[in-house]
Amino acid sequence: MSVLLAVSGLVAGYEPGLPILRGVSLTLGEGGIVALIGPNGAGKSTLIKAIAGQVPRFAGAVSLAGRDLAGTPTHRLGALGLGYVPQVANVFARLTVAENLVLAAAALPGPARRAAVAAQYAAFPDLASRARLPAGRLSGGQRQMLALARALLASPRVLLLDEPSAGLAPAVVSTVFARLRAIAAGGVAILLVEQNVGAALALATRALVLVGGRIAREDAAAALAADPGLADLFLGRAA
């Protein structure tokens, strides 16, 4: 399995001299789902944002399909194959579903836009039936599906997701995660930040536990799910 995303010795944060991430390294391969879990304040969302170029990187390297992303503006990352779905403000609430998708498709070559939007409607039938509805009137699950569809319009090779299950009912979480499984089966690599540890480990192939800005554990997701010591990492009783 070829490596699509490589993070090496990443030190990042919001203020120079006060890093939140302290030498994080990880790799993500084609079609793999890696869950990033850990206690609140561990730096999980900061890691996703640093990879996406939204948080300053002070040291280390991030590469996408072998290309060093140092100095690459955030708005250029989509064209290079990196998709990002933040936890909040991930759709334009006042625009309709159709307008959200058309706007996201504007980065594509003209002839490809209509087909790309049609493909997302086929993948997310609930969106097709609500195309003229403002995104702000969608349910939480439907809004998350729209955010995913917007990110997928550019055919990313790597997809970064920050808390996709936040605020969703368990049945809706199952639907969203089933869609993520299908996306990964199509070859897209997924890095998933998630507080719903059980659901994340059931979905992922591999998992990382981030504690205090460092990777404290890395293992197969199933192995971590069965490890009785996992709770100790969250409670600060193990290194």
Protein backbone atom coordinates (compact mmCIF):
# COMPACT_ATOMS: atom_id res chain seq x y z
CA MET A 1 0.00 0.00 0.00
CA SER A 2 1.60 3.27 -1.14
CA VAL A 3 1.98 6.11 1.35
CA LEU A 4 -0.17 9.10 0.41
CA LEU A 5 0.25 11.28 3.49
CA ALA A 6 3.43 11.41 5.58
CA VAL A 7 3.89 13.57 8.66
CA SER A 8 7.36 13.58 10.22
CA GLY A 9 8.41 15.21 13.50
CA LEU A 10 5.66 17.82 13.28
CA VAL A 11 5.84 20.64 15.80
CA ALA A 12 2.93 23.06 15.46
CA GLY A 13 0.69 25.42 17.38
CA TYR A 14 -0.80 28.87 17.45
CA GLU A 15 2.06 30.75 19.13
CA PRO A 16 5.82 30.40 18.46
CA GLY A 17 7.53 28.87 21.47
CA LEU A 18 4.27 27.34 22.73
CA PRO A 19 3.79 24.27 20.54
CA ILE A 20 0.71 22.10 20.93
CA LEU A 21 2.08 19.29 18.77
CA ARG A 22 5.49 18.05 19.89
CA GLY A 23 7.08 15.88 17.23
CA VAL A 24 4.14 13.99 15.73
CA SER A 25 4.82 11.45 12.99
CA LEU A 26 2.32 9.33 11.06
CA THR A 27 1.68 7.83 7.65
CA LEU A 28 -1.52 7.17 5.77
CA GLY A 29 -1.83 4.76 2.86
CA GLU A 30 -4.24 4.38 -0.02
CA GLY A 31 -7.68 3.21 1.10
CA GLY A 32 -6.71 3.16 4.77
CA ILE A 33 -8.74 4.70 7.59
CA VAL A 34 -6.68 5.94 10.52
CA ALA A 35 -8.52 7.09 13.64
CA LEU A 36 -6.90 9.78 15.76
CA ILE A 37 -8.22 9.55 19.31
CA GLY A 38 -7.22 10.92 22.67
CA PRO A 39 -8.38 13.07 25.59
CA ASN A 40 -9.73 16.59 25.17
CA GLY A 41 -6.95 19.11 24.63
CA ALA A 42 -4.48 16.54 23.32
CA GLY A 43 -4.06 18.40 20.02
CA LYS A 44 -6.14 16.23 17.69
CA SER A 45 -7.92 19.04 15.86
CA THR A 46 -4.70 21.06 15.85
CA LEU A 47 -2.97 18.19 14.03
CA ILE A 48 -5.65 18.05 11.35
CA LYS A 49 -5.51 21.83 10.91
CA ALA A 50 -1.70 21.85 10.79
CA ILE A 51 -1.73 19.25 8.01
CA ALA A 52 -4.32 21.36 6.17
CA GLY A 53 -2.13 24.44 6.52
CA GLN A 54 -4.47 26.26 8.91
CA VAL A 55 -2.15 26.17 11.93
CA PRO A 56 1.51 27.28 11.77
CA ARG A 57 4.09 24.49 11.53
CA PHE A 58 7.31 25.28 13.41
CA ALA A 59 9.29 22.13 12.60
CA GLY A 60 8.94 18.80 10.85
CA ALA A 61 7.48 17.98 7.45
CA VAL A 62 4.18 17.12 5.80
CA SER A 63 4.15 15.49 2.38
CA LEU A 64 1.33 14.43 0.09
CA ALA A 65 2.11 11.62 -2.37
CA GLY A 66 5.80 12.43 -1.94
CA ARG A 67 5.38 16.19 -2.42
CA ASP A 68 6.57 18.40 0.44
CA LEU A 69 3.76 20.78 1.38
CA ALA A 70 6.00 23.36 3.03
CA GLY A 71 5.00 26.80 1.82
CA THR A 72 1.95 25.55 -0.07
CA PRO A 73 -1.04 27.88 0.50
CA THR A 74 -4.11 26.21 1.99
CA HIS A 75 -6.26 27.07 -1.04
CA ARG A 76 -3.88 25.08 -3.26
CA LEU A 77 -4.10 21.84 -1.28
CA GLY A 78 -7.41 20.74 -2.80
CA ALA A 79 -5.93 20.74 -6.27
CA LEU A 80 -3.07 18.60 -4.97
CA GLY A 81 -5.46 15.94 -3.63
CA LEU A 82 -6.06 16.92 0.00
CA GLY A 83 -9.65 17.23 1.22
CA TYR A 84 -10.59 18.68 4.60
CA VAL A 85 -13.94 18.67 6.43
CA PRO A 86 -13.85 20.78 9.61
CA GLN A 87 -16.10 20.07 12.57
CA VAL A 88 -18.06 23.32 12.29
CA ALA A 89 -18.77 25.82 9.52
CA ASN A 90 -18.32 23.07 6.94
CA VAL A 91 -21.22 24.17 4.70
CA PHE A 92 -22.75 27.52 3.71
CA ALA A 93 -25.97 27.49 5.71
CA ARG A 94 -27.73 30.23 3.72
CA LEU A 95 -27.03 28.63 0.35
CA THR A 96 -29.08 25.74 -0.97
CA VAL A 97 -27.67 22.24 -1.22
CA ALA A 98 -27.28 22.71 -4.98
CA GLU A 99 -25.53 26.06 -4.54
CA ASN A 100 -23.10 24.54 -2.02
CA LEU A 101 -22.15 21.83 -4.50
CA VAL A 102 -21.93 24.13 -7.51
CA LEU A 103 -19.70 26.50 -5.54
CA ALA A 104 -17.39 23.66 -4.51
CA ALA A 105 -17.30 22.39 -8.11
CA ALA A 106 -16.16 25.79 -9.39
CA ALA A 107 -12.53 24.74 -8.89
CA LEU A 108 -12.97 21.98 -11.49
CA PRO A 109 -12.59 22.41 -15.25
CA GLY A 110 -15.86 23.64 -16.74
CA PRO A 111 -16.89 20.48 -18.62
CA ALA A 112 -16.34 18.32 -15.52
CA ARG A 113 -18.47 20.30 -13.09
CA ARG A 114 -21.94 19.03 -13.95
CA ALA A 115 -20.83 15.39 -13.98
CA ALA A 116 -19.02 15.80 -10.65
CA VAL A 117 -22.10 17.28 -8.97
CA ALA A 118 -24.31 14.55 -10.47
CA ALA A 119 -21.96 11.90 -9.08
CA GLN A 120 -22.35 13.32 -5.57
CA TYR A 121 -26.13 13.37 -5.88
CA ALA A 122 -25.95 9.70 -6.88
CA ALA A 123 -23.73 8.93 -3.88
CA PHE A 124 -25.92 10.91 -1.47
CA PRO A 125 -29.57 10.50 -2.55
CA ASP A 126 -30.84 12.51 0.43
CA LEU A 127 -29.05 15.54 -0.98
CA ALA A 128 -30.59 15.09 -4.44
CA SER A 129 -34.11 15.22 -2.98
CA ARG A 130 -33.24 18.37 -1.02
CA ALA A 131 -31.25 20.21 -3.69
CA ARG A 132 -33.27 23.42 -3.35
CA LEU A 133 -33.34 23.42 0.44
CA PRO A 134 -31.05 25.84 2.31
CA ALA A 135 -28.24 23.89 3.96
CA GLY A 136 -29.12 25.47 7.30
CA ARG A 137 -32.41 23.57 7.28
CA LEU A 138 -30.80 20.15 6.86
CA SER A 139 -30.58 17.69 9.73
CA GLY A 140 -27.19 17.17 11.34
CA GLY A 141 -26.59 13.98 9.38
CA GLN A 142 -27.66 15.52 6.08
CA ARG A 143 -25.40 18.51 6.69
CA GLN A 144 -22.48 16.17 7.35
CA MET A 145 -23.25 14.34 4.11
CA LEU A 146 -23.25 17.68 2.26
CA ALA A 147 -19.88 18.57 3.80
CA LEU A 148 -18.50 15.22 2.64
CA ALA A 149 -19.95 15.67 -0.85
CA ARG A 150 -18.36 19.12 -1.11
CA ALA A 151 -14.97 17.71 -0.15
CA LEU A 152 -15.29 14.76 -2.53
CA LEU A 153 -16.10 16.92 -5.55
CA ALA A 154 -12.39 17.55 -6.07
CA SER A 155 -11.62 13.79 -6.03
CA PRO A 156 -9.19 13.96 -3.09
CA ARG A 157 -6.64 11.23 -2.50
CA VAL A 158 -6.51 12.05 1.22
CA LEU A 159 -9.50 13.16 3.29
CA LEU A 160 -9.12 14.82 6.71
CA LEU A 161 -12.20 14.70 8.93
CA ASP A 162 -12.63 16.52 12.24
CA GLU A 163 -15.31 15.01 14.50
CA PRO A 164 -17.79 13.89 11.78
CA SER A 165 -20.09 12.29 14.38
CA ALA A 166 -20.36 15.38 16.63
CA GLY A 167 -23.98 15.99 17.62
CA LEU A 168 -25.37 13.10 15.57
CA ALA A 169 -27.73 10.39 16.78
CA PRO A 170 -26.23 6.86 16.89
CA ALA A 171 -28.25 5.69 13.89
CA VAL A 172 -27.07 8.68 11.87
CA VAL A 173 -23.47 8.05 12.92
CA SER A 174 -23.78 4.54 11.50
CA THR A 175 -25.00 5.95 8.19
CA VAL A 176 -22.19 8.52 7.98
CA PHE A 177 -19.54 5.97 8.91
CA ALA A 178 -20.89 3.48 6.37
CA ARG A 179 -20.40 6.15 3.73
CA LEU A 180 -16.83 6.75 4.94
CA ARG A 181 -16.15 3.03 4.62
CA ALA A 182 -17.35 3.13 1.01
CA ILE A 183 -15.19 6.19 0.29
CA ALA A 184 -12.11 4.41 1.62
CA ALA A 185 -12.97 1.32 -0.42
CA GLY A 186 -12.66 3.56 -3.47
CA GLY A 187 -9.00 4.20 -2.60
CA VAL A 188 -9.27 7.46 -0.65
CA ALA A 189 -7.10 7.59 2.48
CA ILE A 190 -8.94 8.95 5.53
CA LEU A 191 -7.55 10.51 8.71
CA LEU A 192 -10.37 10.76 11.22
CA VAL A 193 -10.37 12.79 14.44
CA GLU A 194 -13.14 11.38 16.61
CA GLN A 195 -14.33 11.52 20.22
CA ASN A 196 -16.70 8.58 19.71
CA VAL A 197 -13.90 6.11 20.39
CA GLY A 198 -15.92 2.92 19.99
CA ALA A 199 -17.35 3.94 16.62
CA ALA A 200 -13.99 5.23 15.41
CA LEU A 201 -12.13 2.05 16.28
CA ALA A 202 -14.86 -0.07 14.67
CA LEU A 203 -14.47 1.93 11.46
CA ALA A 204 -10.70 2.36 11.28
CA THR A 205 -7.99 -0.06 10.22
CA ARG A 206 -5.38 1.65 12.39
CA ALA A 207 -5.51 4.07 15.30
CA LEU A 208 -3.26 6.59 16.98
CA VAL A 209 -3.67 7.85 20.54
CA LEU A 210 -2.56 11.45 20.93
CA VAL A 211 -1.76 12.60 24.47
CA GLY A 212 -0.19 15.93 25.34
CA GLY A 213 0.70 16.67 21.73
CA ARG A 214 2.57 13.38 21.23
CA ILE A 215 1.63 9.98 19.84
CA ALA A 216 1.34 7.77 22.93
CA ARG A 217 0.16 4.60 21.15
CA GLU A 218 -0.20 3.33 17.60
CA ASP A 219 -1.73 -0.04 16.76
CA ALA A 220 -4.34 -1.84 14.72
CA ALA A 221 -7.73 -0.38 15.60
CA ALA A 222 -9.08 -3.76 16.68
CA ALA A 223 -6.11 -4.30 19.01
CA LEU A 224 -6.60 -0.93 20.67
CA ALA A 225 -10.33 -1.54 21.03
CA ALA A 226 -9.58 -4.73 22.95
CA ASP A 227 -6.84 -3.17 25.12
CA PRO A 228 -8.03 -2.61 28.71
CA GLY A 229 -5.21 -0.09 29.17
CA LEU A 230 -6.67 2.31 26.61
CA ALA A 231 -8.67 4.16 29.27
CA ASP A 232 -5.47 4.81 31.22
CA LEU A 233 -4.10 6.81 28.30
CA PHE A 234 -7.19 8.99 28.30
CA LEU A 235 -6.98 9.49 32.06
CA GLY A 236 -3.26 10.23 32.09
CA ARG A 237 -2.23 7.10 33.99
CA ALA A 238 -0.01 5.67 31.25
CA ALA A 239 2.66 7.02 28.93
